[in-house]
Amino acid sequence: MMYGWLWRHLPGPALVRAALLVVAAFAVLAVCFLWVFPAVAPFMPFNETTVGE
C-alpha cells in the first residue's frame, strides 16, 4: 500500500521514479546510520557485556 502510494505520487517516467526511490532509500539508510542508531545505542541492553571483565 505504501509503495503504491509512493510510486503514484513520484513525477516522471518509470526510470526516473525508480531512481528517485533508490536515492530516497539511501538517504533513509544514511540518516539511520549517522544519527538514529548512534542515539539509540546507549540504551540497548547488549552494551552491558561481562566478557573480558
PDB file of N, CA and C in Angstrom:
ATOM      1  N   MET A   1       0.822  -1.187   0.000  1.00  0.00           N
ATOM      2  CA  MET A   1       0.000   0.000   0.000  1.00  0.00           C
ATOM      3  C   MET A   1       0.869   1.255   0.000  1.00  0.00           C
ATOM      4  N   MET A   2       1.865   1.312   0.872  1.00  0.00           N
ATOM      5  CA  MET A   2       2.721   2.482   0.948  1.00  0.00           C
ATOM      6  C   MET A   2       3.555   2.625  -0.328  1.00  0.00           C
ATOM      7  N   TYR A   3       4.059   1.499  -0.854  1.00  0.00           N
ATOM      8  CA  TYR A   3       4.897   1.572  -2.035  1.00  0.00           C
ATOM      9  C   TYR A   3       4.094   2.019  -3.251  1.00  0.00           C
ATOM     10  N   GLY A   4       2.862   1.584  -3.338  1.00  0.00           N
ATOM     11  CA  GLY A   4       1.995   2.034  -4.421  1.00  0.00           C
ATOM     12  C   GLY A   4       1.723   3.520  -4.335  1.00  0.00           C
ATOM     13  N   TRP A   5       1.515   4.011  -3.127  1.00  0.00           N
ATOM     14  CA  TRP A   5       1.279   5.448  -2.944  1.00  0.00           C
ATOM     15  C   TRP A   5       2.507   6.235  -3.374  1.00  0.00           C
ATOM     16  N   LEU A   6       3.697   5.781  -2.963  1.00  0.00           N
ATOM     17  CA  LEU A   6       4.931   6.462  -3.367  1.00  0.00           C
ATOM     18  C   LEU A   6       5.082   6.443  -4.887  1.00  0.00           C
ATOM     19  N   TRP A   7       4.850   5.290  -5.488  1.00  0.00           N
ATOM     20  CA  TRP A   7       5.027   5.159  -6.935  1.00  0.00           C
ATOM     21  C   TRP A   7       4.080   6.074  -7.696  1.00  0.00           C
ATOM     22  N   ARG A   8       2.840   6.175  -7.248  1.00  0.00           N
ATOM     23  CA  ARG A   8       1.865   7.025  -7.944  1.00  0.00           C
ATOM     24  C   ARG A   8       2.155   8.512  -7.779  1.00  0.00           C
ATOM     25  N   HIS A   9       2.789   8.918  -6.684  1.00  0.00           N
ATOM     26  CA  HIS A   9       2.979  10.339  -6.417  1.00  0.00           C
ATOM     27  C   HIS A   9       4.335  10.882  -6.864  1.00  0.00           C
ATOM     28  N   LEU A  10       5.231  10.021  -7.304  1.00  0.00           N
ATOM     29  CA  LEU A  10       6.508  10.499  -7.822  1.00  0.00           C
ATOM     30  C   LEU A  10       6.342  10.960  -9.265  1.00  0.00           C
ATOM     31  N   PRO A  11       7.059  12.017  -9.645  1.00  0.00           N
ATOM     32  CA  PRO A  11       6.940  12.522 -11.018  1.00  0.00           C
ATOM     33  C   PRO A  11       7.814  11.732 -11.985  1.00  0.00           C
ATOM     34  N   GLY A  12       7.494  11.839 -13.262  1.00  0.00           N
ATOM     35  CA  GLY A  12       8.331  11.306 -14.313  1.00  0.00           C
ATOM     36  C   GLY A  12       7.991   9.888 -14.729  1.00  0.00           C
ATOM     37  N   PRO A  13       8.751   9.412 -15.722  1.00  0.00           N
ATOM     38  CA  PRO A  13       8.545   8.028 -16.190  1.00  0.00           C
ATOM     39  C   PRO A  13       9.087   7.021 -15.177  1.00  0.00           C
ATOM     40  N   ALA A  14       8.915   5.756 -15.472  1.00  0.00           N
ATOM     41  CA  ALA A  14       9.266   4.683 -14.529  1.00  0.00           C
ATOM     42  C   ALA A  14      10.743   4.701 -14.153  1.00  0.00           C
ATOM     43  N   LEU A  15      11.625   4.992 -15.095  1.00  0.00           N
ATOM     44  CA  LEU A  15      13.059   5.000 -14.800  1.00  0.00           C
ATOM     45  C   LEU A  15      13.404   6.108 -13.805  1.00  0.00           C
ATOM     46  N   VAL A  16      12.807   7.270 -13.975  1.00  0.00           N
ATOM     47  CA  VAL A  16      13.050   8.388 -13.051  1.00  0.00           C
ATOM     48  C   VAL A  16      12.472   8.063 -11.681  1.00  0.00           C
ATOM     49  N   ARG A  17      11.305   7.468 -11.639  1.00  0.00           N
ATOM     50  CA  ARG A  17      10.691   7.086 -10.364  1.00  0.00           C
ATOM     51  C   ARG A  17      11.559   6.084  -9.626  1.00  0.00           C
ATOM     52  N   ALA A  18      12.070   5.100 -10.345  1.00  0.00           N
ATOM     53  CA  ALA A  18      12.931   4.088  -9.725  1.00  0.00           C
ATOM     54  C   ALA A  18      14.202   4.728  -9.174  1.00  0.00           C
ATOM     55  N   ALA A  19      14.787   5.646  -9.930  1.00  0.00           N
ATOM     56  CA  ALA A  19      15.996   6.334  -9.459  1.00  0.00           C
ATOM     57  C   ALA A  19      15.700   7.161  -8.219  1.00  0.00           C
ATOM     58  N   LEU A  20      14.564   7.839  -8.190  1.00  0.00           N
ATOM     59  CA  LEU A  20      14.191   8.629  -7.017  1.00  0.00           C
ATOM     60  C   LEU A  20      13.978   7.741  -5.796  1.00  0.00           C
ATOM     61  N   LEU A  21      13.383   6.579  -5.983  1.00  0.00           N
ATOM     62  CA  LEU A  21      13.177   5.659  -4.869  1.00  0.00           C
ATOM     63  C   LEU A  21      14.499   5.116  -4.339  1.00  0.00           C
ATOM     64  N   VAL A  22      15.447   4.851  -5.225  1.00  0.00           N
ATOM     65  CA  VAL A  22      16.760   4.380  -4.786  1.00  0.00           C
ATOM     66  C   VAL A  22      17.481   5.459  -3.997  1.00  0.00           C
ATOM     67  N   VAL A  23      17.433   6.690  -4.481  1.00  0.00           N
ATOM     68  CA  VAL A  23      18.062   7.809  -3.761  1.00  0.00           C
ATOM     69  C   VAL A  23      17.398   8.015  -2.407  1.00  0.00           C
ATOM     70  N   ALA A  24      16.089   7.928  -2.348  1.00  0.00           N
ATOM     71  CA  ALA A  24      15.373   8.088  -1.078  1.00  0.00           C
ATOM     72  C   ALA A  24      15.735   6.972  -0.110  1.00  0.00           C
ATOM     73  N   ALA A  25      15.862   5.746  -0.598  1.00  0.00           N
ATOM     74  CA  ALA A  25      16.233   4.635   0.272  1.00  0.00           C
ATOM     75  C   ALA A  25      17.631   4.833   0.847  1.00  0.00           C
ATOM     76  N   PHE A  26      18.581   5.274   0.031  1.00  0.00           N
ATOM     77  CA  PHE A  26      19.928   5.545   0.531  1.00  0.00           C
ATOM     78  C   PHE A  26      19.928   6.699   1.534  1.00  0.00           C
ATOM     79  N   ALA A  27      19.095   7.702   1.307  1.00  0.00           N
ATOM     80  CA  ALA A  27      19.010   8.816   2.254  1.00  0.00           C
ATOM     81  C   ALA A  27      18.467   8.355   3.598  1.00  0.00           C
ATOM     82  N   VAL A  28      17.455   7.508   3.581  1.00  0.00           N
ATOM     83  CA  VAL A  28      16.893   6.984   4.833  1.00  0.00           C
ATOM     84  C   VAL A  28      17.931   6.134   5.559  1.00  0.00           C
ATOM     85  N   LEU A  29      18.649   5.290   4.841  1.00  0.00           N
ATOM     86  CA  LEU A  29      19.700   4.484   5.465  1.00  0.00           C
ATOM     87  C   LEU A  29      20.800   5.355   6.060  1.00  0.00           C
ATOM     88  N   ALA A  30      21.195   6.398   5.345  1.00  0.00           N
ATOM     89  CA  ALA A  30      22.238   7.290   5.847  1.00  0.00           C
ATOM     90  C   ALA A  30      21.788   7.985   7.128  1.00  0.00           C
ATOM     91  N   VAL A  31      20.569   8.459   7.162  1.00  0.00           N
ATOM     92  CA  VAL A  31      20.055   9.111   8.373  1.00  0.00           C
ATOM     93  C   VAL A  31      20.033   8.125   9.533  1.00  0.00           C
ATOM     94  N   CYS A  32      19.607   6.901   9.271  1.00  0.00           N
ATOM     95  CA  CYS A  32      19.566   5.897  10.336  1.00  0.00           C
ATOM     96  C   CYS A  32      20.966   5.611  10.882  1.00  0.00           C
ATOM     97  N   PHE A  33      21.937   5.385   9.996  1.00  0.00           N
ATOM     98  CA  PHE A  33      23.276   5.019  10.453  1.00  0.00           C
ATOM     99  C   PHE A  33      24.047   6.201  11.040  1.00  0.00           C
ATOM    100  N   LEU A  34      23.768   7.410  10.596  1.00  0.00           N
ATOM    101  CA  LEU A  34      24.517   8.560  11.096  1.00  0.00           C
ATOM    102  C   LEU A  34      23.931   9.167  12.365  1.00  0.00           C
ATOM    103  N   TRP A  35      22.606   9.132  12.517  1.00  0.00           N
ATOM    104  CA  TRP A  35      22.002   9.815  13.656  1.00  0.00           C
ATOM    105  C   TRP A  35      21.113   8.938  14.538  1.00  0.00           C
ATOM    106  N   VAL A  36      20.267   8.136  13.954  1.00  0.00           N
ATOM    107  CA  VAL A  36      19.292   7.373  14.743  1.00  0.00           C
ATOM    108  C   VAL A  36      19.968   6.258  15.530  1.00  0.00           C
ATOM    109  N   PHE A  37      20.723   5.389  14.867  1.00  0.00           N
ATOM    110  CA  PHE A  37      21.341   4.262  15.551  1.00  0.00           C
ATOM    111  C   PHE A  37      22.336   4.701  16.626  1.00  0.00           C
ATOM    112  N   PRO A  38      23.205   5.692  16.382  1.00  0.00           N
ATOM    113  CA  PRO A  38      24.101   6.133  17.462  1.00  0.00           C
ATOM    114  C   PRO A  38      23.352   6.751  18.644  1.00  0.00           C
ATOM    115  N   ALA A  39      22.233   7.373  18.403  1.00  0.00           N
ATOM    116  CA  ALA A  39      21.471   7.973  19.500  1.00  0.00           C
ATOM    117  C   ALA A  39      20.785   6.902  20.350  1.00  0.00           C
ATOM    118  N   VAL A  40      20.399   5.784  19.746  1.00  0.00           N
ATOM    119  CA  VAL A  40      19.685   4.730  20.450  1.00  0.00           C
ATOM    120  C   VAL A  40      20.654   3.719  21.081  1.00  0.00           C
ATOM    121  N   ALA A  41      21.862   3.601  20.584  1.00  0.00           N
ATOM    122  CA  ALA A  41      22.808   2.574  21.022  1.00  0.00           C
ATOM    123  C   ALA A  41      23.072   2.561  22.528  1.00  0.00           C
ATOM    124  N   PRO A  42      23.227   3.687  23.200  1.00  0.00           N
ATOM    125  CA  PRO A  42      23.491   3.624  24.646  1.00  0.00           C
ATOM    126  C   PRO A  42      22.350   3.008  25.455  1.00  0.00           C
ATOM    127  N   PHE A  43      21.169   2.988  24.925  1.00  0.00           N
ATOM    128  CA  PHE A  43      20.014   2.455  25.646  1.00  0.00           C
ATOM    129  C   PHE A  43      19.755   0.972  25.378  1.00  0.00           C
ATOM    130  N   MET A  44      20.547   0.371  24.513  1.00  0.00           N
ATOM    131  CA  MET A  44      20.332  -1.035  24.164  1.00  0.00           C
ATOM    132  C   MET A  44      20.967  -1.945  25.207  1.00  0.00           C
ATOM    133  N   PRO A  45      20.310  -3.059  25.541  1.00  0.00           N
ATOM    134  CA  PRO A  45      20.813  -3.922  26.613  1.00  0.00           C
ATOM    135  C   PRO A  45      22.083  -4.696  26.269  1.00  0.00           C
ATOM    136  N   PHE A  46      22.394  -4.881  24.986  1.00  0.00           N
ATOM    137  CA  PHE A  46      23.577  -5.676  24.642  1.00  0.00           C
ATOM    138  C   PHE A  46      24.880  -4.911  24.842  1.00  0.00           C
ATOM    139  N   ASN A  47      24.824  -3.645  25.301  1.00  0.00           N
ATOM    140  CA  ASN A  47      26.042  -2.896  25.604  1.00  0.00           C
ATOM    141  C   ASN A  47      26.625  -3.283  26.964  1.00  0.00           C
ATOM    142  N   GLU A  48      25.870  -3.995  27.776  1.00  0.00           N
ATOM    143  CA  GLU A  48      26.296  -4.381  29.119  1.00  0.00           C
ATOM    144  C   GLU A  48      26.837  -5.804  29.103  1.00  0.00           C
ATOM    145  N   THR A  49      28.019  -5.973  28.517  1.00  0.00           N
ATOM    146  CA  THR A  49      28.609  -7.303  28.450  1.00  0.00           C
ATOM    147  C   THR A  49      29.553  -7.530  29.620  1.00  0.00           C
ATOM    148  N   THR A  50      29.780  -8.790  29.963  1.00  0.00           N
ATOM    149  CA  THR A  50      30.702  -9.133  31.042  1.00  0.00           C
ATOM    150  C   THR A  50      31.881  -9.944  30.542  1.00  0.00           C
ATOM    151  N   VAL A  51      31.981 -10.177  29.279  1.00  0.00           N
ATOM    152  CA  VAL A  51      33.084 -10.945  28.720  1.00  0.00           C
ATOM    153  C   VAL A  51      34.351 -10.101  28.791  1.00  0.00           C
ATOM    154  N   GLY A  52      35.398 -10.651  29.344  1.00  0.00           N
ATOM    155  CA  GLY A  52      36.676  -9.955  29.419  1.00  0.00           C
ATOM    156  C   GLY A  52      36.820  -9.047  30.627  1.00  0.00           C
ATOM    157  N   GLU A  53      35.842  -9.019  31.506  1.00  0.00           N
ATOM    158  CA  GLU A  53      35.946  -8.158  32.690  1.00  0.00           C
ATOM    159  C   GLU A  53      36.355  -8.957  33.892  1.00  0.00           C
TER     160      GLU A  53
END
